All heavy atoms as atom14 arrays in JSON, in Angstrom:
{
  "sequence": "SVRPVPSSSVVLATTLYYGAELKAQKQEYQSVRVLLTQAFEQLAVVK",
  "atom14_mask": [
    [1, 1, 1, 1, 1, 1, 0, 0, 0, 0, 0, 0, 0, 0],
    [1, 1, 1, 1, 1, 1, 1, 0, 0, 0, 0, 0, 0, 0],
    [1, 1, 1, 1, 1, 1, 1, 1, 1, 1, 1, 0, 0, 0],
    [1, 1, 1, 1, 1, 1, 1, 0, 0, 0, 0, 0, 0, 0],
    [1, 1, 1, 1, 1, 1, 1, 0, 0, 0, 0, 0, 0, 0],
    [1, 1, 1, 1, 1, 1, 1, 0, 0, 0, 0, 0, 0, 0],
    [1, 1, 1, 1, 1, 1, 0, 0, 0, 0, 0, 0, 0, 0],
    [1, 1, 1, 1, 1, 1, 0, 0, 0, 0, 0, 0, 0, 0],
    [1, 1, 1, 1, 1, 1, 0, 0, 0, 0, 0, 0, 0, 0],
    [1, 1, 1, 1, 1, 1, 1, 0, 0, 0, 0, 0, 0, 0],
    [1, 1, 1, 1, 1, 1, 1, 0, 0, 0, 0, 0, 0, 0],
    [1, 1, 1, 1, 1, 1, 1, 1, 0, 0, 0, 0, 0, 0],
    [1, 1, 1, 1, 1, 0, 0, 0, 0, 0, 0, 0, 0, 0],
    [1, 1, 1, 1, 1, 1, 1, 0, 0, 0, 0, 0, 0, 0],
    [1, 1, 1, 1, 1, 1, 1, 0, 0, 0, 0, 0, 0, 0],
    [1, 1, 1, 1, 1, 1, 1, 1, 0, 0, 0, 0, 0, 0],
    [1, 1, 1, 1, 1, 1, 1, 1, 1, 1, 1, 1, 0, 0],
    [1, 1, 1, 1, 1, 1, 1, 1, 1, 1, 1, 1, 0, 0],
    [1, 1, 1, 1, 0, 0, 0, 0, 0, 0, 0, 0, 0, 0],
    [1, 1, 1, 1, 1, 0, 0, 0, 0, 0, 0, 0, 0, 0],
    [1, 1, 1, 1, 1, 1, 1, 1, 1, 0, 0, 0, 0, 0],
    [1, 1, 1, 1, 1, 1, 1, 1, 0, 0, 0, 0, 0, 0],
    [1, 1, 1, 1, 1, 1, 1, 1, 1, 0, 0, 0, 0, 0],
    [1, 1, 1, 1, 1, 0, 0, 0, 0, 0, 0, 0, 0, 0],
    [1, 1, 1, 1, 1, 1, 1, 1, 1, 0, 0, 0, 0, 0],
    [1, 1, 1, 1, 1, 1, 1, 1, 1, 0, 0, 0, 0, 0],
    [1, 1, 1, 1, 1, 1, 1, 1, 1, 0, 0, 0, 0, 0],
    [1, 1, 1, 1, 1, 1, 1, 1, 1, 0, 0, 0, 0, 0],
    [1, 1, 1, 1, 1, 1, 1, 1, 1, 1, 1, 1, 0, 0],
    [1, 1, 1, 1, 1, 1, 1, 1, 1, 0, 0, 0, 0, 0],
    [1, 1, 1, 1, 1, 1, 0, 0, 0, 0, 0, 0, 0, 0],
    [1, 1, 1, 1, 1, 1, 1, 0, 0, 0, 0, 0, 0, 0],
    [1, 1, 1, 1, 1, 1, 1, 1, 1, 1, 1, 0, 0, 0],
    [1, 1, 1, 1, 1, 1, 1, 0, 0, 0, 0, 0, 0, 0],
    [1, 1, 1, 1, 1, 1, 1, 1, 0, 0, 0, 0, 0, 0],
    [1, 1, 1, 1, 1, 1, 1, 1, 0, 0, 0, 0, 0, 0],
    [1, 1, 1, 1, 1, 1, 1, 0, 0, 0, 0, 0, 0, 0],
    [1, 1, 1, 1, 1, 1, 1, 1, 1, 0, 0, 0, 0, 0],
    [1, 1, 1, 1, 1, 0, 0, 0, 0, 0, 0, 0, 0, 0],
    [1, 1, 1, 1, 1, 1, 1, 1, 1, 1, 1, 0, 0, 0],
    [1, 1, 1, 1, 1, 1, 1, 1, 1, 0, 0, 0, 0, 0],
    [1, 1, 1, 1, 1, 1, 1, 1, 1, 0, 0, 0, 0, 0],
    [1, 1, 1, 1, 1, 1, 1, 1, 0, 0, 0, 0, 0, 0],
    [1, 1, 1, 1, 1, 0, 0, 0, 0, 0, 0, 0, 0, 0],
    [1, 1, 1, 1, 1, 1, 1, 0, 0, 0, 0, 0, 0, 0],
    [1, 1, 1, 1, 1, 1, 1, 0, 0, 0, 0, 0, 0, 0],
    [1, 1, 1, 1, 1, 1, 1, 1, 1, 0, 0, 0, 0, 0]
  ],
  "atom14_positions": [
    [[-127.24, -10.84, -45.58], [-127.99, -11.65, -46.55], [-127.76, -13.15, -46.34], [-128.68, -13.95, -46.51], [-127.62, -11.25, -47.98], [-126.29, -11.58, -48.27], [0.0, 0.0, 0.0], [0.0, 0.0, 0.0], [0.0, 0.0, 0.0], [0.0, 0.0, 0.0], [0.0, 0.0, 0.0], [0.0, 0.0, 0.0], [0.0, 0.0, 0.0], [0.0, 0.0, 0.0]],
    [[-126.55, -13.52, -45.94], [-126.23, -14.94, -45.72], [-126.82, -15.42, -44.39], [-127.28, -16.55, -44.28], [-124.7, -15.16, -45.75], [-124.33, -16.55, -45.3], [-124.16, -14.89, -47.13], [0.0, 0.0, 0.0], [0.0, 0.0, 0.0], [0.0, 0.0, 0.0], [0.0, 0.0, 0.0], [0.0, 0.0, 0.0], [0.0, 0.0, 0.0], [0.0, 0.0, 0.0]],
    [[-126.78, -14.55, -43.42], [-127.24, -14.92, -42.08], [-128.19, -13.84, -41.56], [-127.8, -12.99, -40.76], [-126.04, -15.06, -41.15], [-126.38, -15.73, -39.86], [-125.13, -16.26, -39.18], [-125.55, -17.02, -38.05], [-125.26, -16.68, -36.8], [-124.51, -15.64, -36.55], [-125.7, -17.43, -35.81], [0.0, 0.0, 0.0], [0.0, 0.0, 0.0], [0.0, 0.0, 0.0]],
    [[-129.43, -13.83, -42.03], [-130.37, -12.78, -41.65], [-130.94, -12.96, -40.23], [-132.05, -13.42, -40.04], [-131.46, -12.89, -42.72], [-131.42, -14.33, -43.14], [-129.99, -14.77, -42.99], [0.0, 0.0, 0.0], [0.0, 0.0, 0.0], [0.0, 0.0, 0.0], [0.0, 0.0, 0.0], [0.0, 0.0, 0.0], [0.0, 0.0, 0.0], [0.0, 0.0, 0.0]],
    [[-130.14, -12.61, -39.25], [-130.54, -12.66, -37.85], [-130.43, -11.24, -37.28], [-129.79, -10.38, -37.89], [-129.68, -13.66, -37.05], [-129.91, -15.08, -37.55], [-128.21, -13.31, -37.13], [0.0, 0.0, 0.0], [0.0, 0.0, 0.0], [0.0, 0.0, 0.0], [0.0, 0.0, 0.0], [0.0, 0.0, 0.0], [0.0, 0.0, 0.0], [0.0, 0.0, 0.0]],
    [[-131.03, -10.99, -36.13], [-130.97, -9.64, -35.57], [-129.56, -9.06, -35.43], [-129.34, -7.89, -35.73], [-131.65, -9.79, -34.2], [-132.61, -10.92, -34.4], [-131.9, -11.87, -35.33], [0.0, 0.0, 0.0], [0.0, 0.0, 0.0], [0.0, 0.0, 0.0], [0.0, 0.0, 0.0], [0.0, 0.0, 0.0], [0.0, 0.0, 0.0], [0.0, 0.0, 0.0]],
    [[-128.61, -9.89, -35.03], [-127.26, -9.35, -34.84], [-126.63, -8.88, -36.15], [-125.92, -7.88, -36.18], [-126.36, -10.38, -34.16], [-126.25, -11.55, -34.94], [0.0, 0.0, 0.0], [0.0, 0.0, 0.0], [0.0, 0.0, 0.0], [0.0, 0.0, 0.0], [0.0, 0.0, 0.0], [0.0, 0.0, 0.0], [0.0, 0.0, 0.0], [0.0, 0.0, 0.0]],
    [[-126.92, -9.56, -37.25], [-126.37, -9.1, -38.53], [-127.06, -7.83, -39.01], [-126.43, -6.98, -39.65], [-126.43, -10.2, -39.59], [-127.76, -10.57, -39.85], [0.0, 0.0, 0.0], [0.0, 0.0, 0.0], [0.0, 0.0, 0.0], [0.0, 0.0, 0.0], [0.0, 0.0, 0.0], [0.0, 0.0, 0.0], [0.0, 0.0, 0.0], [0.0, 0.0, 0.0]],
    [[-128.32, -7.64, -38.65], [-129.01, -6.38, -38.96], [-128.38, -5.23, -38.18], [-128.22, -4.12, -38.7], [-130.5, -6.47, -38.63], [-131.14, -7.35, -39.51], [0.0, 0.0, 0.0], [0.0, 0.0, 0.0], [0.0, 0.0, 0.0], [0.0, 0.0, 0.0], [0.0, 0.0, 0.0], [0.0, 0.0, 0.0], [0.0, 0.0, 0.0], [0.0, 0.0, 0.0]],
    [[-128.01, -5.49, -36.93], [-127.37, -4.46, -36.11], [-125.98, -4.13, -36.66], [-125.59, -2.96, -36.72], [-127.29, -4.9, -34.63], [-126.45, -3.94, -33.82], [-128.69, -5.02, -34.04], [0.0, 0.0, 0.0], [0.0, 0.0, 0.0], [0.0, 0.0, 0.0], [0.0, 0.0, 0.0], [0.0, 0.0, 0.0], [0.0, 0.0, 0.0], [0.0, 0.0, 0.0]],
    [[-125.24, -5.15, -37.09], [-123.93, -4.91, -37.69], [-124.07, -4.04, -38.94], [-123.33, -3.07, -39.12], [-123.22, -6.25, -38.04], [-122.01, -6.01, -38.94], [-122.81, -6.98, -36.78], [0.0, 0.0, 0.0], [0.0, 0.0, 0.0], [0.0, 0.0, 0.0], [0.0, 0.0, 0.0], [0.0, 0.0, 0.0], [0.0, 0.0, 0.0], [0.0, 0.0, 0.0]],
    [[-125.04, -4.35, -39.78], [-125.26, -3.56, -40.99], [-125.7, -2.14, -40.64], [-125.19, -1.17, -41.22], [-126.29, -4.24, -41.9], [-126.63, -3.51, -43.19], [-125.37, -3.21, -44.01], [-127.62, -4.34, -44.02], [0.0, 0.0, 0.0], [0.0, 0.0, 0.0], [0.0, 0.0, 0.0], [0.0, 0.0, 0.0], [0.0, 0.0, 0.0], [0.0, 0.0, 0.0]],
    [[-126.61, -1.99, -39.69], [-127.06, -0.65, -39.28], [-125.9, 0.18, -38.73], [-125.77, 1.36, -39.05], [-128.17, -0.77, -38.24], [0.0, 0.0, 0.0], [0.0, 0.0, 0.0], [0.0, 0.0, 0.0], [0.0, 0.0, 0.0], [0.0, 0.0, 0.0], [0.0, 0.0, 0.0], [0.0, 0.0, 0.0], [0.0, 0.0, 0.0], [0.0, 0.0, 0.0]],
    [[-125.06, -0.44, -37.94], [-123.91, 0.27, -37.37], [-122.93, 0.68, -38.46], [-122.41, 1.8, -38.46], [-123.21, -0.61, -36.32], [-124.17, -0.97, -35.32], [-122.06, 0.12, -35.66], [0.0, 0.0, 0.0], [0.0, 0.0, 0.0], [0.0, 0.0, 0.0], [0.0, 0.0, 0.0], [0.0, 0.0, 0.0], [0.0, 0.0, 0.0], [0.0, 0.0, 0.0]],
    [[-122.71, -0.2, -39.41], [-121.82, 0.12, -40.54], [-122.39, 1.28, -41.36], [-121.67, 2.2, -41.74], [-121.62, -1.12, -41.42], [-121.11, -2.2, -40.62], [-120.67, -0.84, -42.56], [0.0, 0.0, 0.0], [0.0, 0.0, 0.0], [0.0, 0.0, 0.0], [0.0, 0.0, 0.0], [0.0, 0.0, 0.0], [0.0, 0.0, 0.0], [0.0, 0.0, 0.0]],
    [[-123.69, 1.24, -41.62], [-124.33, 2.33, -42.35], [-124.22, 3.64, -41.57], [-124.0, 4.71, -42.17], [-125.79, 1.98, -42.62], [-126.03, 0.88, -43.65], [-127.44, 0.33, -43.54], [-125.74, 1.39, -45.05], [0.0, 0.0, 0.0], [0.0, 0.0, 0.0], [0.0, 0.0, 0.0], [0.0, 0.0, 0.0], [0.0, 0.0, 0.0], [0.0, 0.0, 0.0]],
    [[-124.37, 3.57, -40.26], [-124.24, 4.78, -39.44], [-122.83, 5.37, -39.56], [-122.68, 6.58, -39.74], [-124.55, 4.46, -37.96], [-124.18, 5.59, -37.05], [-124.98, 6.72, -36.96], [-123.0, 5.56, -36.31], [-124.63, 7.78, -36.16], [-122.65, 6.62, -35.51], [-123.46, 7.73, -35.43], [-123.1, 8.78, -34.64], [0.0, 0.0, 0.0], [0.0, 0.0, 0.0]],
    [[-121.82, 4.53, -39.46], [-120.45, 5.05, -39.57], [-120.18, 5.62, -40.96], [-119.46, 6.6, -41.11], [-119.43, 3.99, -39.19], [-119.37, 3.79, -37.69], [-119.68, 2.57, -37.12], [-119.03, 4.85, -36.85], [-119.66, 2.4, -35.74], [-119.01, 4.69, -35.48], [-119.32, 3.46, -34.93], [-119.29, 3.3, -33.57], [0.0, 0.0, 0.0], [0.0, 0.0, 0.0]],
    [[-120.76, 5.01, -41.98], [-120.65, 5.57, -43.32], [-121.3, 6.94, -43.41], [-120.78, 7.86, -44.05], [0.0, 0.0, 0.0], [0.0, 0.0, 0.0], [0.0, 0.0, 0.0], [0.0, 0.0, 0.0], [0.0, 0.0, 0.0], [0.0, 0.0, 0.0], [0.0, 0.0, 0.0], [0.0, 0.0, 0.0], [0.0, 0.0, 0.0], [0.0, 0.0, 0.0]],
    [[-122.44, 7.08, -42.74], [-123.12, 8.37, -42.71], [-122.27, 9.43, -42.0], [-122.23, 10.58, -42.42], [-124.48, 8.23, -42.04], [0.0, 0.0, 0.0], [0.0, 0.0, 0.0], [0.0, 0.0, 0.0], [0.0, 0.0, 0.0], [0.0, 0.0, 0.0], [0.0, 0.0, 0.0], [0.0, 0.0, 0.0], [0.0, 0.0, 0.0], [0.0, 0.0, 0.0]],
    [[-121.6, 9.01, -40.94], [-120.7, 9.94, -40.25], [-119.59, 10.43, -41.18], [-119.24, 11.61, -41.19], [-120.08, 9.28, -39.01], [-121.01, 9.15, -37.84], [-121.18, 10.46, -37.06], [-120.58, 11.49, -37.42], [-121.94, 10.44, -36.09], [0.0, 0.0, 0.0], [0.0, 0.0, 0.0], [0.0, 0.0, 0.0], [0.0, 0.0, 0.0], [0.0, 0.0, 0.0]],
    [[-119.04, 9.51, -41.96], [-117.99, 9.88, -42.93], [-118.54, 10.86, -43.97], [-117.88, 11.84, -44.32], [-117.43, 8.64, -43.62], [-116.64, 7.68, -42.73], [-116.33, 6.4, -43.5], [-115.38, 8.33, -42.22], [0.0, 0.0, 0.0], [0.0, 0.0, 0.0], [0.0, 0.0, 0.0], [0.0, 0.0, 0.0], [0.0, 0.0, 0.0], [0.0, 0.0, 0.0]],
    [[-119.74, 10.59, -44.46], [-120.36, 11.5, -45.44], [-120.68, 12.85, -44.81], [-120.55, 13.89, -45.47], [-121.64, 10.88, -46.01], [-121.42, 9.63, -46.83], [-120.74, 9.94, -48.13], [-120.68, 8.7, -49.0], [-120.0, 8.96, -50.27], [0.0, 0.0, 0.0], [0.0, 0.0, 0.0], [0.0, 0.0, 0.0], [0.0, 0.0, 0.0], [0.0, 0.0, 0.0]],
    [[-121.07, 12.86, -43.54], [-121.37, 14.13, -42.87], [-120.12, 14.99, -42.75], [-120.19, 16.22, -42.88], [-121.97, 13.87, -41.48], [0.0, 0.0, 0.0], [0.0, 0.0, 0.0], [0.0, 0.0, 0.0], [0.0, 0.0, 0.0], [0.0, 0.0, 0.0], [0.0, 0.0, 0.0], [0.0, 0.0, 0.0], [0.0, 0.0, 0.0], [0.0, 0.0, 0.0]],
    [[-118.97, 14.37, -42.53], [-117.73, 15.13, -42.47], [-117.42, 15.8, -43.8], [-116.78, 16.84, -43.84], [-116.57, 14.22, -42.07], [-116.65, 13.76, -40.63], [-115.56, 12.77, -40.28], [-114.67, 12.49, -41.07], [-115.64, 12.23, -39.08], [0.0, 0.0, 0.0], [0.0, 0.0, 0.0], [0.0, 0.0, 0.0], [0.0, 0.0, 0.0], [0.0, 0.0, 0.0]],
    [[-117.91, 15.2, -44.89], [-117.71, 15.78, -46.22], [-118.89, 16.67, -46.63], [-118.95, 17.14, -47.75], [-117.54, 14.66, -47.25], [-116.31, 13.81, -47.04], [-116.26, 12.71, -48.08], [-115.09, 11.79, -47.86], [-115.08, 10.69, -48.83], [0.0, 0.0, 0.0], [0.0, 0.0, 0.0], [0.0, 0.0, 0.0], [0.0, 0.0, 0.0], [0.0, 0.0, 0.0]],
    [[-119.84, 16.84, -45.72], [-121.05, 17.63, -45.93], [-121.9, 17.1, -47.09], [-122.52, 17.86, -47.81], [-120.71, 19.1, -46.11], [-120.03, 19.69, -44.89], [-119.71, 21.15, -45.03], [-119.78, 21.73, -46.11], [-119.35, 21.78, -43.92], [0.0, 0.0, 0.0], [0.0, 0.0, 0.0], [0.0, 0.0, 0.0], [0.0, 0.0, 0.0], [0.0, 0.0, 0.0]],
    [[-121.94, 15.8, -47.24], [-122.76, 15.15, -48.26], [-124.05, 14.66, -47.58], [-124.26, 13.46, -47.39], [-121.99, 13.99, -48.9], [-120.74, 14.43, -49.62], [-119.9, 13.28, -50.14], [-120.36, 12.11, -50.13], [-118.77, 13.56, -50.57], [0.0, 0.0, 0.0], [0.0, 0.0, 0.0], [0.0, 0.0, 0.0], [0.0, 0.0, 0.0], [0.0, 0.0, 0.0]],
    [[-124.91, 15.62, -47.22], [-126.05, 15.31, -46.36], [-127.15, 14.49, -47.03], [-127.88, 13.79, -46.34], [-126.59, 16.59, -45.74], [-125.6, 17.15, -44.76], [-124.82, 18.27, -45.07], [-125.38, 16.53, -43.54], [-123.88, 18.75, -44.18], [-124.44, 17.0, -42.65], [-123.69, 18.11, -42.98], [-122.75, 18.58, -42.1], [0.0, 0.0, 0.0], [0.0, 0.0, 0.0]],
    [[-127.27, 14.56, -48.34], [-128.26, 13.7, -49.0], [-127.83, 12.24, -48.86], [-128.66, 11.36, -48.59], [-128.43, 14.09, -50.47], [-129.6, 13.43, -51.13], [-130.93, 13.76, -50.46], [-131.19, 14.87, -50.04], [-131.79, 12.77, -50.35], [0.0, 0.0, 0.0], [0.0, 0.0, 0.0], [0.0, 0.0, 0.0], [0.0, 0.0, 0.0], [0.0, 0.0, 0.0]],
    [[-126.54, 11.98, -49.01], [-126.02, 10.61, -48.82], [-126.16, 10.19, -47.37], [-126.45, 9.02, -47.08], [-124.55, 10.54, -49.24], [-124.42, 10.76, -50.62], [0.0, 0.0, 0.0], [0.0, 0.0, 0.0], [0.0, 0.0, 0.0], [0.0, 0.0, 0.0], [0.0, 0.0, 0.0], [0.0, 0.0, 0.0], [0.0, 0.0, 0.0], [0.0, 0.0, 0.0]],
    [[-125.96, 11.12, -46.46], [-126.14, 10.84, -45.02], [-127.56, 10.36, -44.78], [-127.79, 9.35, -44.11], [-125.82, 12.09, -44.17], [-126.25, 11.89, -42.72], [-124.35, 12.45, -44.25], [0.0, 0.0, 0.0], [0.0, 0.0, 0.0], [0.0, 0.0, 0.0], [0.0, 0.0, 0.0], [0.0, 0.0, 0.0], [0.0, 0.0, 0.0], [0.0, 0.0, 0.0]],
    [[-128.5, 11.08, -45.34], [-129.91, 10.75, -45.16], [-130.24, 9.36, -45.7], [-130.94, 8.57, -45.06], [-130.76, 11.8, -45.85], [-132.22, 11.7, -45.6], [-132.91, 12.82, -46.34], [-134.26, 13.01, -45.91], [-135.04, 13.97, -46.36], [-134.58, 14.83, -47.23], [-136.26, 14.07, -45.93], [0.0, 0.0, 0.0], [0.0, 0.0, 0.0], [0.0, 0.0, 0.0]],
    [[-129.71, 9.04, -46.87], [-129.97, 7.73, -47.48], [-129.39, 6.61, -46.61], [-130.07, 5.62, -46.31], [-129.38, 7.67, -48.91], [-129.4, 6.25, -49.45], [-130.14, 8.62, -49.83], [0.0, 0.0, 0.0], [0.0, 0.0, 0.0], [0.0, 0.0, 0.0], [0.0, 0.0, 0.0], [0.0, 0.0, 0.0], [0.0, 0.0, 0.0], [0.0, 0.0, 0.0]],
    [[-128.14, 6.76, -46.19], [-127.5, 5.73, -45.38], [-128.22, 5.54, -44.05], [-128.43, 4.4, -43.59], [-126.03, 6.08, -45.14], [-125.1, 5.97, -46.36], [-123.75, 6.58, -46.04], [-124.97, 4.54, -46.8], [0.0, 0.0, 0.0], [0.0, 0.0, 0.0], [0.0, 0.0, 0.0], [0.0, 0.0, 0.0], [0.0, 0.0, 0.0], [0.0, 0.0, 0.0]],
    [[-128.61, 6.64, -43.42], [-129.27, 6.53, -42.12], [-130.68, 5.98, -42.23], [-131.15, 5.28, -41.33], [-129.27, 7.89, -41.42], [-127.9, 8.36, -40.96], [-127.98, 9.78, -40.45], [-127.32, 7.43, -39.92], [0.0, 0.0, 0.0], [0.0, 0.0, 0.0], [0.0, 0.0, 0.0], [0.0, 0.0, 0.0], [0.0, 0.0, 0.0], [0.0, 0.0, 0.0]],
    [[-131.35, 6.27, -43.33], [-132.68, 5.69, -43.54], [-132.55, 4.17, -43.67], [-133.34, 3.41, -43.1], [-133.34, 6.29, -44.79], [-133.47, 7.7, -44.6], [-134.7, 5.68, -45.05], [0.0, 0.0, 0.0], [0.0, 0.0, 0.0], [0.0, 0.0, 0.0], [0.0, 0.0, 0.0], [0.0, 0.0, 0.0], [0.0, 0.0, 0.0], [0.0, 0.0, 0.0]],
    [[-131.52, 3.72, -44.38], [-131.27, 2.28, -44.49], [-130.92, 1.69, -43.13], [-131.37, 0.59, -42.79], [-130.14, 2.01, -45.48], [-130.49, 2.35, -46.91], [-129.3, 2.25, -47.84], [-128.21, 1.84, -47.45], [-129.49, 2.63, -49.1], [0.0, 0.0, 0.0], [0.0, 0.0, 0.0], [0.0, 0.0, 0.0], [0.0, 0.0, 0.0], [0.0, 0.0, 0.0]],
    [[-130.12, 2.41, -42.34], [-129.76, 1.93, -41.0], [-131.01, 1.81, -40.13], [-131.18, 0.81, -39.42], [-128.75, 2.88, -40.36], [0.0, 0.0, 0.0], [0.0, 0.0, 0.0], [0.0, 0.0, 0.0], [0.0, 0.0, 0.0], [0.0, 0.0, 0.0], [0.0, 0.0, 0.0], [0.0, 0.0, 0.0], [0.0, 0.0, 0.0], [0.0, 0.0, 0.0]],
    [[-131.87, 2.81, -40.19], [-133.09, 2.8, -39.39], [-133.98, 1.61, -39.8], [-134.56, 0.94, -38.95], [-133.84, 4.12, -39.54], [-135.06, 4.2, -38.68], [-134.94, 4.38, -37.31], [-136.32, 4.09, -39.23], [-136.07, 4.44, -36.5], [-137.45, 4.16, -38.44], [-137.33, 4.33, -37.08], [0.0, 0.0, 0.0], [0.0, 0.0, 0.0], [0.0, 0.0, 0.0]],
    [[-134.06, 1.35, -41.1], [-134.86, 0.21, -41.58], [-134.3, -1.11, -41.05], [-135.07, -2.01, -40.71], [-134.89, 0.2, -43.1], [-135.72, 1.32, -43.69], [-135.57, 1.47, -45.19], [-134.75, 0.76, -45.8], [-136.28, 2.32, -45.75], [0.0, 0.0, 0.0], [0.0, 0.0, 0.0], [0.0, 0.0, 0.0], [0.0, 0.0, 0.0], [0.0, 0.0, 0.0]],
    [[-132.99, -1.23, -40.96], [-132.38, -2.44, -40.4], [-132.7, -2.58, -38.92], [-132.99, -3.67, -38.44], [-130.86, -2.43, -40.61], [-130.43, -2.65, -42.03], [-130.9, -3.99, -42.57], [-130.76, -5.03, -41.92], [-131.46, -3.98, -43.77], [0.0, 0.0, 0.0], [0.0, 0.0, 0.0], [0.0, 0.0, 0.0], [0.0, 0.0, 0.0], [0.0, 0.0, 0.0]],
    [[-132.64, -1.48, -38.2], [-132.93, -1.52, -36.76], [-134.41, -1.79, -36.49], [-134.77, -2.38, -35.47], [-132.5, -0.22, -36.08], [-130.99, 0.02, -36.06], [-130.69, 1.42, -35.56], [-130.28, -1.02, -35.21], [0.0, 0.0, 0.0], [0.0, 0.0, 0.0], [0.0, 0.0, 0.0], [0.0, 0.0, 0.0], [0.0, 0.0, 0.0], [0.0, 0.0, 0.0]],
    [[-135.26, -1.38, -37.42], [-136.71, -1.56, -37.24], [-137.12, -3.03, -37.24], [-138.14, -3.38, -36.66], [-137.47, -0.8, -38.33], [0.0, 0.0, 0.0], [0.0, 0.0, 0.0], [0.0, 0.0, 0.0], [0.0, 0.0, 0.0], [0.0, 0.0, 0.0], [0.0, 0.0, 0.0], [0.0, 0.0, 0.0], [0.0, 0.0, 0.0], [0.0, 0.0, 0.0]],
    [[-136.31, -3.89, -37.86], [-136.66, -5.31, -37.89], [-136.13, -6.06, -36.68], [-136.45, -7.24, -36.49], [-136.16, -5.99, -39.19], [-136.78, -5.35, -40.41], [-134.66, -6.01, -39.27], [0.0, 0.0, 0.0], [0.0, 0.0, 0.0], [0.0, 0.0, 0.0], [0.0, 0.0, 0.0], [0.0, 0.0, 0.0], [0.0, 0.0, 0.0], [0.0, 0.0, 0.0]],
    [[-135.36, -5.39, -35.85], [-134.79, -6.01, -34.65], [-135.75, -5.77, -33.49], [-136.18, -4.63, -33.26], [-133.39, -5.43, -34.34], [-132.84, -6.0, -33.05], [-132.45, -5.69, -35.51], [0.0, 0.0, 0.0], [0.0, 0.0, 0.0], [0.0, 0.0, 0.0], [0.0, 0.0, 0.0], [0.0, 0.0, 0.0], [0.0, 0.0, 0.0], [0.0, 0.0, 0.0]],
    [[-136.07, -6.82, -32.76], [-137.04, -6.7, -31.66], [-136.57, -5.7, -30.6], [-137.34, -4.84, -30.18], [-137.27, -8.07, -31.02], [-138.36, -8.05, -29.98], [-138.66, -9.44, -29.47], [-139.78, -9.4, -28.46], [-140.1, -10.73, -27.95], [0.0, 0.0, 0.0], [0.0, 0.0, 0.0], [0.0, 0.0, 0.0], [0.0, 0.0, 0.0], [0.0, 0.0, 0.0]]
  ]
}
């Protein structure tokens, strides 16, 4: 939010992905889906 550049979107997407991995280990797949959808949206704005 402070520095909305492609690299910060990638950092956020990667963080969301790792969070999804943690949720998947707990079998919380609805949360996995939400986090990964947000990650995909972040990656979609990167050229």
